[in-house]
Every structure is written in C-alpha cells, then in structure tokens.
PDB file of N, CA and C in Angstrom:
ATOM      1  N   MET A   1       8.021  -8.412  -4.276  1.00  0.00           N
ATOM      2  CA  MET A   1       6.841  -7.904  -4.948  1.00  0.00           C
ATOM      3  C   MET A   1       5.669  -7.947  -3.962  1.00  0.00           C
ATOM      4  N   LEU A   2       4.961  -6.865  -3.865  1.00  0.00           N
ATOM      5  CA  LEU A   2       3.812  -6.778  -2.957  1.00  0.00           C
ATOM      6  C   LEU A   2       2.643  -7.565  -3.534  1.00  0.00           C
ATOM      7  N   ASP A   3       2.104  -8.479  -2.761  1.00  0.00           N
ATOM      8  CA  ASP A   3       0.919  -9.248  -3.120  1.00  0.00           C
ATOM      9  C   ASP A   3      -0.269  -8.609  -2.392  1.00  0.00           C
ATOM     10  N   VAL A   4      -1.064  -7.829  -3.108  1.00  0.00           N
ATOM     11  CA  VAL A   4      -2.170  -7.097  -2.484  1.00  0.00           C
ATOM     12  C   VAL A   4      -3.245  -8.050  -1.974  1.00  0.00           C
ATOM     13  N   ASP A   5      -3.412  -9.203  -2.600  1.00  0.00           N
ATOM     14  CA  ASP A   5      -4.385 -10.184  -2.106  1.00  0.00           C
ATOM     15  C   ASP A   5      -3.994 -10.685  -0.717  1.00  0.00           C
ATOM     16  N   LEU A   6      -2.711 -10.913  -0.507  1.00  0.00           N
ATOM     17  CA  LEU A   6      -2.231 -11.371   0.799  1.00  0.00           C
ATOM     18  C   LEU A   6      -2.406 -10.272   1.849  1.00  0.00           C
ATOM     19  N   LEU A   7      -2.142  -9.039   1.462  1.00  0.00           N
ATOM     20  CA  LEU A   7      -2.352  -7.905   2.364  1.00  0.00           C
ATOM     21  C   LEU A   7      -3.836  -7.770   2.723  1.00  0.00           C
ATOM     22  N   GLU A   8      -4.695  -7.887   1.729  1.00  0.00           N
ATOM     23  CA  GLU A   8      -6.145  -7.805   1.957  1.00  0.00           C
ATOM     24  C   GLU A   8      -6.606  -8.942   2.880  1.00  0.00           C
ATOM     25  N   TYR A   9      -6.082 -10.132   2.679  1.00  0.00           N
ATOM     26  CA  TYR A   9      -6.409 -11.278   3.522  1.00  0.00           C
ATOM     27  C   TYR A   9      -6.025 -10.997   4.975  1.00  0.00           C
ATOM     28  N   ALA A  10      -4.816 -10.479   5.187  1.00  0.00           N
ATOM     29  CA  ALA A  10      -4.346 -10.183   6.543  1.00  0.00           C
ATOM     30  C   ALA A  10      -5.223  -9.130   7.215  1.00  0.00           C
ATOM     31  N   ILE A  11      -5.603  -8.106   6.472  1.00  0.00           N
ATOM     32  CA  ILE A  11      -6.485  -7.064   7.022  1.00  0.00           C
ATOM     33  C   ILE A  11      -7.823  -7.659   7.431  1.00  0.00           C
ATOM     34  N   ASN A  12      -8.376  -8.510   6.591  1.00  0.00           N
ATOM     35  CA  ASN A  12      -9.691  -9.094   6.871  1.00  0.00           C
ATOM     36  C   ASN A  12      -9.672 -10.146   7.965  1.00  0.00           C
ATOM     37  N   LYS A  13      -8.519 -10.714   8.275  1.00  0.00           N
ATOM     38  CA  LYS A  13      -8.418 -11.688   9.366  1.00  0.00           C
ATOM     39  C   LYS A  13      -8.468 -11.024  10.736  1.00  0.00           C
ATOM     40  N   ASP A  14      -8.089  -9.766  10.811  1.00  0.00           N
ATOM     41  CA  ASP A  14      -8.059  -9.039  12.081  1.00  0.00           C
ATOM     42  C   ASP A  14      -9.388  -8.310  12.270  1.00  0.00           C
ATOM     43  N   LYS A  15     -10.185  -8.748  13.253  1.00  0.00           N
ATOM     44  CA  LYS A  15     -11.520  -8.176  13.464  1.00  0.00           C
ATOM     45  C   LYS A  15     -11.485  -6.683  13.777  1.00  0.00           C
ATOM     46  N   MET A  16     -10.488  -6.256  14.518  1.00  0.00           N
ATOM     47  CA  MET A  16     -10.390  -4.831  14.877  1.00  0.00           C
ATOM     48  C   MET A  16     -10.129  -3.973  13.641  1.00  0.00           C
ATOM     49  N   ILE A  17      -9.240  -4.422  12.796  1.00  0.00           N
ATOM     50  CA  ILE A  17      -8.906  -3.654  11.591  1.00  0.00           C
ATOM     51  C   ILE A  17     -10.020  -3.770  10.553  1.00  0.00           C
ATOM     52  N   ARG A  18     -10.520  -4.975  10.356  1.00  0.00           N
ATOM     53  CA  ARG A  18     -11.535  -5.234   9.330  1.00  0.00           C
ATOM     54  C   ARG A  18     -12.736  -4.312   9.472  1.00  0.00           C
ATOM     55  N   HIS A  19     -13.184  -4.060  10.678  1.00  0.00           N
ATOM     56  CA  HIS A  19     -14.403  -3.272  10.899  1.00  0.00           C
ATOM     57  C   HIS A  19     -14.133  -1.794  11.175  1.00  0.00           C
ATOM     58  N   SER A  20     -12.895  -1.413  11.196  1.00  0.00           N
ATOM     59  CA  SER A  20     -12.557  -0.025  11.495  1.00  0.00           C
ATOM     60  C   SER A  20     -12.869   0.897  10.319  1.00  0.00           C
ATOM     61  N   GLU A  21     -13.451   2.029  10.622  1.00  0.00           N
ATOM     62  CA  GLU A  21     -13.721   3.040   9.593  1.00  0.00           C
ATOM     63  C   GLU A  21     -12.499   3.925   9.350  1.00  0.00           C
ATOM     64  N   LYS A  22     -11.565   3.922  10.280  1.00  0.00           N
ATOM     65  CA  LYS A  22     -10.392   4.810  10.192  1.00  0.00           C
ATOM     66  C   LYS A  22      -9.112   4.016   9.997  1.00  0.00           C
ATOM     67  N   LYS A  23      -9.072   3.242   8.939  1.00  0.00           N
ATOM     68  CA  LYS A  23      -7.871   2.467   8.642  1.00  0.00           C
ATOM     69  C   LYS A  23      -6.777   3.384   8.114  1.00  0.00           C
ATOM     70  N   ASN A  24      -5.552   3.015   8.407  1.00  0.00           N
ATOM     71  CA  ASN A  24      -4.373   3.690   7.869  1.00  0.00           C
ATOM     72  C   ASN A  24      -3.529   2.655   7.148  1.00  0.00           C
ATOM     73  N   LEU A  25      -2.963   3.066   6.044  1.00  0.00           N
ATOM     74  CA  LEU A  25      -2.049   2.215   5.309  1.00  0.00           C
ATOM     75  C   LEU A  25      -0.695   2.909   5.291  1.00  0.00           C
ATOM     76  N   VAL A  26       0.347   2.188   5.677  1.00  0.00           N
ATOM     77  CA  VAL A  26       1.703   2.729   5.660  1.00  0.00           C
ATOM     78  C   VAL A  26       2.535   1.844   4.733  1.00  0.00           C
ATOM     79  N   ILE A  27       3.047   2.441   3.687  1.00  0.00           N
ATOM     80  CA  ILE A  27       3.896   1.734   2.731  1.00  0.00           C
ATOM     81  C   ILE A  27       5.313   2.268   2.918  1.00  0.00           C
ATOM     82  N   THR A  28       6.217   1.397   3.284  1.00  0.00           N
ATOM     83  CA  THR A  28       7.585   1.829   3.564  1.00  0.00           C
ATOM     84  C   THR A  28       8.543   1.314   2.490  1.00  0.00           C
ATOM     85  N   CYS A  29       9.729   1.852   2.522  1.00  0.00           N
ATOM     86  CA  CYS A  29      10.849   1.388   1.699  1.00  0.00           C
ATOM     87  C   CYS A  29      10.612   1.567   0.196  1.00  0.00           C
ATOM     88  N   LEU A  30       9.918   2.615  -0.200  1.00  0.00           N
ATOM     89  CA  LEU A  30       9.724   2.856  -1.626  1.00  0.00           C
ATOM     90  C   LEU A  30      11.035   3.163  -2.341  1.00  0.00           C
ATOM     91  N   ASP A  31      12.055   3.473  -1.582  1.00  0.00           N
ATOM     92  CA  ASP A  31      13.375   3.690  -2.197  1.00  0.00           C
ATOM     93  C   ASP A  31      13.978   2.386  -2.722  1.00  0.00           C
ATOM     94  N   HIS A  32      13.421   1.244  -2.347  1.00  0.00           N
ATOM     95  CA  HIS A  32      13.907  -0.042  -2.837  1.00  0.00           C
ATOM     96  C   HIS A  32      13.395  -0.351  -4.234  1.00  0.00           C
ATOM     97  N   ILE A  33      12.388   0.380  -4.683  1.00  0.00           N
ATOM     98  CA  ILE A  33      11.871   0.181  -6.031  1.00  0.00           C
ATOM     99  C   ILE A  33      12.743   0.987  -6.983  1.00  0.00           C
ATOM    100  N   GLU A  34      13.345   0.289  -7.930  1.00  0.00           N
ATOM    101  CA  GLU A  34      14.311   0.955  -8.796  1.00  0.00           C
ATOM    102  C   GLU A  34      13.704   1.500 -10.087  1.00  0.00           C
ATOM    103  N   LYS A  35      12.885   0.724 -10.762  1.00  0.00           N
ATOM    104  CA  LYS A  35      12.395   1.158 -12.071  1.00  0.00           C
ATOM    105  C   LYS A  35      10.873   1.154 -12.177  1.00  0.00           C
ATOM    106  N   HIS A  36      10.253   0.102 -11.693  1.00  0.00           N
ATOM    107  CA  HIS A  36       8.830  -0.092 -11.935  1.00  0.00           C
ATOM    108  C   HIS A  36       8.062  -0.223 -10.624  1.00  0.00           C
ATOM    109  N   TYR A  37       6.987   0.521 -10.525  1.00  0.00           N
ATOM    110  CA  TYR A  37       6.082   0.385  -9.384  1.00  0.00           C
ATOM    111  C   TYR A  37       5.054  -0.669  -9.755  1.00  0.00           C
ATOM    112  N   ARG A  38       5.214  -1.855  -9.174  1.00  0.00           N
ATOM    113  CA  ARG A  38       4.358  -2.998  -9.514  1.00  0.00           C
ATOM    114  C   ARG A  38       3.893  -3.720  -8.262  1.00  0.00           C
ATOM    115  N   PHE A  39       2.749  -4.399  -8.411  1.00  0.00           N
ATOM    116  CA  PHE A  39       2.267  -5.309  -7.386  1.00  0.00           C
ATOM    117  C   PHE A  39       1.431  -6.372  -8.063  1.00  0.00           C
ATOM    118  N   THR A  40       1.072  -7.414  -7.329  1.00  0.00           N
ATOM    119  CA  THR A  40       0.220  -8.447  -7.905  1.00  0.00           C
ATOM    120  C   THR A  40      -1.168  -8.370  -7.288  1.00  0.00           C
ATOM    121  N   ARG A  41      -2.146  -8.709  -8.106  1.00  0.00           N
ATOM    122  CA  ARG A  41      -3.548  -8.750  -7.679  1.00  0.00           C
ATOM    123  C   ARG A  41      -4.211  -9.873  -8.464  1.00  0.00           C
ATOM    124  N   HIS A  42      -4.797 -10.832  -7.771  1.00  0.00           N
ATOM    125  CA  HIS A  42      -5.434 -12.005  -8.388  1.00  0.00           C
ATOM    126  C   HIS A  42      -4.478 -12.709  -9.355  1.00  0.00           C
ATOM    127  N   GLY A  43      -3.206 -12.791  -8.967  1.00  0.00           N
ATOM    128  CA  GLY A  43      -2.210 -13.482  -9.766  1.00  0.00           C
ATOM    129  C   GLY A  43      -1.710 -12.719 -10.977  1.00  0.00           C
ATOM    130  N   LYS A  44      -2.175 -11.491 -11.155  1.00  0.00           N
ATOM    131  CA  LYS A  44      -1.749 -10.690 -12.303  1.00  0.00           C
ATOM    132  C   LYS A  44      -0.839  -9.561 -11.843  1.00  0.00           C
ATOM    133  N   LEU A  45       0.111  -9.219 -12.689  1.00  0.00           N
ATOM    134  CA  LEU A  45       1.023  -8.129 -12.425  1.00  0.00           C
ATOM    135  C   LEU A  45       0.355  -6.804 -12.793  1.00  0.00           C
ATOM    136  N   ILE A  46       0.320  -5.869 -11.838  1.00  0.00           N
ATOM    137  CA  ILE A  46      -0.274  -4.551 -12.052  1.00  0.00           C
ATOM    138  C   ILE A  46       0.856  -3.526 -12.080  1.00  0.00           C
ATOM    139  N   ASP A  47       0.977  -2.825 -13.196  1.00  0.00           N
ATOM    140  CA  ASP A  47       1.997  -1.784 -13.345  1.00  0.00           C
ATOM    141  C   ASP A  47       1.422  -0.420 -13.027  1.00  0.00           C
ATOM    142  N   SER A  48       2.264   0.449 -12.550  1.00  0.00           N
ATOM    143  CA  SER A  48       1.894   1.843 -12.290  1.00  0.00           C
ATOM    144  C   SER A  48       2.958   2.732 -12.911  1.00  0.00           C
ATOM    145  N   GLU A  49       2.520   3.872 -13.418  1.00  0.00           N
ATOM    146  CA  GLU A  49       3.439   4.812 -14.063  1.00  0.00           C
ATOM    147  C   GLU A  49       4.283   5.602 -13.055  1.00  0.00           C
ATOM    148  N   SER A  50       3.769   5.731 -11.839  1.00  0.00           N
ATOM    149  CA  SER A  50       4.448   6.555 -10.849  1.00  0.00           C
ATOM    150  C   SER A  50       4.204   6.005  -9.448  1.00  0.00           C
ATOM    151  N   LYS A  51       4.961   6.544  -8.513  1.00  0.00           N
ATOM    152  CA  LYS A  51       4.790   6.192  -7.104  1.00  0.00           C
ATOM    153  C   LYS A  51       3.376   6.535  -6.647  1.00  0.00           C
ATOM    154  N   GLU A  52       2.891   7.704  -7.046  1.00  0.00           N
ATOM    155  CA  GLU A  52       1.553   8.142  -6.644  1.00  0.00           C
ATOM    156  C   GLU A  52       0.475   7.202  -7.181  1.00  0.00           C
ATOM    157  N   GLU A  53       0.585   6.816  -8.451  1.00  0.00           N
ATOM    158  CA  GLU A  53      -0.390   5.897  -9.039  1.00  0.00           C
ATOM    159  C   GLU A  53      -0.351   4.546  -8.333  1.00  0.00           C
ATOM    160  N   PHE A  54       0.841   4.063  -8.025  1.00  0.00           N
ATOM    161  CA  PHE A  54       1.035   2.811  -7.294  1.00  0.00           C
ATOM    162  C   PHE A  54       0.284   2.845  -5.964  1.00  0.00           C
ATOM    163  N   ILE A  55       0.475   3.910  -5.216  1.00  0.00           N
ATOM    164  CA  ILE A  55      -0.153   4.058  -3.908  1.00  0.00           C
ATOM    165  C   ILE A  55      -1.667   4.196  -4.040  1.00  0.00           C
ATOM    166  N   ILE A  56      -2.125   4.985  -4.995  1.00  0.00           N
ATOM    167  CA  ILE A  56      -3.566   5.191  -5.191  1.00  0.00           C
ATOM    168  C   ILE A  56      -4.260   3.891  -5.574  1.00  0.00           C
ATOM    169  N   LYS A  57      -3.667   3.114  -6.456  1.00  0.00           N
ATOM    170  CA  LYS A  57      -4.272   1.831  -6.851  1.00  0.00           C
ATOM    171  C   LYS A  57      -4.429   0.906  -5.651  1.00  0.00           C
ATOM    172  N   ILE A  58      -3.391   0.792  -4.846  1.00  0.00           N
ATOM    173  CA  ILE A  58      -3.447  -0.079  -3.664  1.00  0.00           C
ATOM    174  C   ILE A  58      -4.479   0.444  -2.675  1.00  0.00           C
ATOM    175  N   SER A  59      -4.488   1.744  -2.462  1.00  0.00           N
ATOM    176  CA  SER A  59      -5.453   2.357  -1.553  1.00  0.00           C
ATOM    177  C   SER A  59      -6.882   2.082  -1.996  1.00  0.00           C
ATOM    178  N   ASN A  60      -7.144   2.207  -3.278  1.00  0.00           N
ATOM    179  CA  ASN A  60      -8.491   1.965  -3.806  1.00  0.00           C
ATOM    180  C   ASN A  60      -8.898   0.503  -3.675  1.00  0.00           C
ATOM    181  N   ILE A  61      -7.991  -0.395  -3.968  1.00  0.00           N
ATOM    182  CA  ILE A  61      -8.298  -1.827  -3.847  1.00  0.00           C
ATOM    183  C   ILE A  61      -8.649  -2.176  -2.403  1.00  0.00           C
ATOM    184  N   LEU A  62      -7.880  -1.663  -1.465  1.00  0.00           N
ATOM    185  CA  LEU A  62      -8.087  -1.993  -0.054  1.00  0.00           C
ATOM    186  C   LEU A  62      -9.114  -1.102   0.630  1.00  0.00           C
ATOM    187  N   ASN A  63      -9.580  -0.076  -0.077  1.00  0.00           N
ATOM    188  CA  ASN A  63     -10.548   0.872   0.457  1.00  0.00           C
ATOM    189  C   ASN A  63     -10.039   1.522   1.750  1.00  0.00           C
ATOM    190  N   ILE A  64      -8.801   1.996   1.667  1.00  0.00           N
ATOM    191  CA  ILE A  64      -8.171   2.690   2.792  1.00  0.00           C
ATOM    192  C   ILE A  64      -7.853   4.105   2.339  1.00  0.00           C
ATOM    193  N   LYS A  65      -8.378   5.066   3.057  1.00  0.00           N
ATOM    194  CA  LYS A  65      -8.261   6.465   2.644  1.00  0.00           C
ATOM    195  C   LYS A  65      -7.046   7.189   3.220  1.00  0.00           C
ATOM    196  N   ASN A  66      -6.578   6.801   4.389  1.00  0.00           N
ATOM    197  CA  ASN A  66      -5.417   7.444   5.010  1.00  0.00           C
ATOM    198  C   ASN A  66      -4.176   6.648   4.650  1.00  0.00           C
ATOM    199  N   VAL A  67      -3.352   7.230   3.787  1.00  0.00           N
ATOM    200  CA  VAL A  67      -2.178   6.514   3.291  1.00  0.00           C
ATOM    201  C   VAL A  67      -0.922   7.330   3.554  1.00  0.00           C
ATOM    202  N   TYR A  68       0.083   6.662   4.090  1.00  0.00           N
ATOM    203  CA  TYR A  68       1.390   7.254   4.348  1.00  0.00           C
ATOM    204  C   TYR A  68       2.438   6.395   3.645  1.00  0.00           C
ATOM    205  N   TYR A  69       3.541   7.021   3.267  1.00  0.00           N
ATOM    206  CA  TYR A  69       4.624   6.239   2.686  1.00  0.00           C
ATOM    207  C   TYR A  69       5.961   6.831   3.112  1.00  0.00           C
ATOM    208  N   SER A  70       6.990   6.031   2.919  1.00  0.00           N
ATOM    209  CA  SER A  70       8.343   6.535   3.171  1.00  0.00           C
ATOM    210  C   SER A  70       9.277   6.011   2.093  1.00  0.00           C
ATOM    211  N   LYS A  71      10.329   6.767   1.867  1.00  0.00           N
ATOM    212  CA  LYS A  71      11.350   6.374   0.900  1.00  0.00           C
ATOM    213  C   LYS A  71      12.692   6.214   1.593  1.00  0.00           C
ATOM    214  N   SER A  72      12.654   6.017   2.882  1.00  0.00           N
ATOM    215  CA  SER A  72      13.894   5.875   3.629  1.00  0.00           C
ATOM    216  C   SER A  72      13.693   4.846   4.734  1.00  0.00           C
ATOM    217  N   PRO A  73      14.752   4.445   5.395  1.00  0.00           N
ATOM    218  CA  PRO A  73      14.623   3.488   6.484  1.00  0.00           C
ATOM    219  C   PRO A  73      14.149   4.123   7.796  1.00  0.00           C
ATOM    220  N   TYR A  74      13.797   5.397   7.775  1.00  0.00           N
ATOM    221  CA  TYR A  74      13.446   6.092   9.009  1.00  0.00           C
ATOM    222  C   TYR A  74      11.945   6.344   9.100  1.00  0.00           C
ATOM    223  N   SER A  75      11.325   5.851  10.136  1.00  0.00           N
ATOM    224  CA  SER A  75       9.873   5.989  10.288  1.00  0.00           C
ATOM    225  C   SER A  75       9.446   7.422  10.543  1.00  0.00           C
ATOM    226  N   ASN A  76      10.359   8.279  10.974  1.00  0.00           N
ATOM    227  CA  ASN A  76       9.981   9.675  11.225  1.00  0.00           C
ATOM    228  C   ASN A  76       9.913  10.480   9.920  1.00  0.00           C
ATOM    229  N   LYS A  77      10.121   9.829   8.798  1.00  0.00           N
ATOM    230  CA  LYS A  77      10.064  10.498   7.502  1.00  0.00           C
ATOM    231  C   LYS A  77       8.831  10.072   6.717  1.00  0.00           C
ATOM    232  N   LEU A  78       7.774   9.711   7.395  1.00  0.00           N
ATOM    233  CA  LEU A  78       6.537   9.319   6.708  1.00  0.00           C
ATOM    234  C   LEU A  78       5.890  10.528   6.052  1.00  0.00           C
ATOM    235  N   ILE A  79       5.343  10.311   4.866  1.00  0.00           N
ATOM    236  CA  ILE A  79       4.682  11.369   4.115  1.00  0.00           C
ATOM    237  C   ILE A  79       3.233  10.942   3.910  1.00  0.00           C
ATOM    238  N   LYS A  80       2.300  11.804   4.249  1.00  0.00           N
ATOM    239  CA  LYS A  80       0.889  11.499   4.028  1.00  0.00           C
ATOM    240  C   LYS A  80       0.524  11.888   2.609  1.00  0.00           C
ATOM    241  N   ILE A  81      -0.041  10.925   1.864  1.00  0.00           N
ATOM    242  CA  ILE A  81      -0.383  11.204   0.475  1.00  0.00           C
ATOM    243  C   ILE A  81      -1.816  11.715   0.352  1.00  0.00           C
ATOM    244  N   PHE A  82      -2.727  11.268   1.188  1.00  0.00           N
ATOM    245  CA  PHE A  82      -4.081  11.828   1.213  1.00  0.00           C
ATOM    246  C   PHE A  82      -4.439  12.082   2.648  1.00  0.00           C
TER     247      PHE A  82
END
C-alpha cells in the first residue's frame, strides 16, 4: 500500500527536489493493483474509483503536475497522464 505521507517526506528531505518547480512523478506497476486503487494519507485509507482518480489525488496532494505511470514491468511503456 502506498503511504503518501512517506513519499511526501522523502520528497521534502531532498533539497534539489523540494525546491524544484518541474517535479515529475512516476508511478509504476499499476498492473499489480487488482481491485481497488487505494493509498494512505495521515493514517487513513483513501479510495479511488479509477486509476485516473488515484493518480490525480496523489498528484494534487504532492503538488506535482507532470505525472507518468506504467502498467507493466517495462520503463519504456510510461504513459503521461497530464
């Protein structure tokens, strides 16, 4: 389960990433999610109706506008969502 607070913490610990205006978020292995697109935020489970909603919620929380994802083990199959 993705812990968005831990991801946010890691981003903020890195000075180069924290202050960058051109952050990119890459979410891989979406094919591993079988039924529910979920993540945790402040200890609460956040559900999403779709892959797109899942990605948009995480993007908004982290304030990252360039988002890519993949549904396979191959990095050359990245899809840009925005």
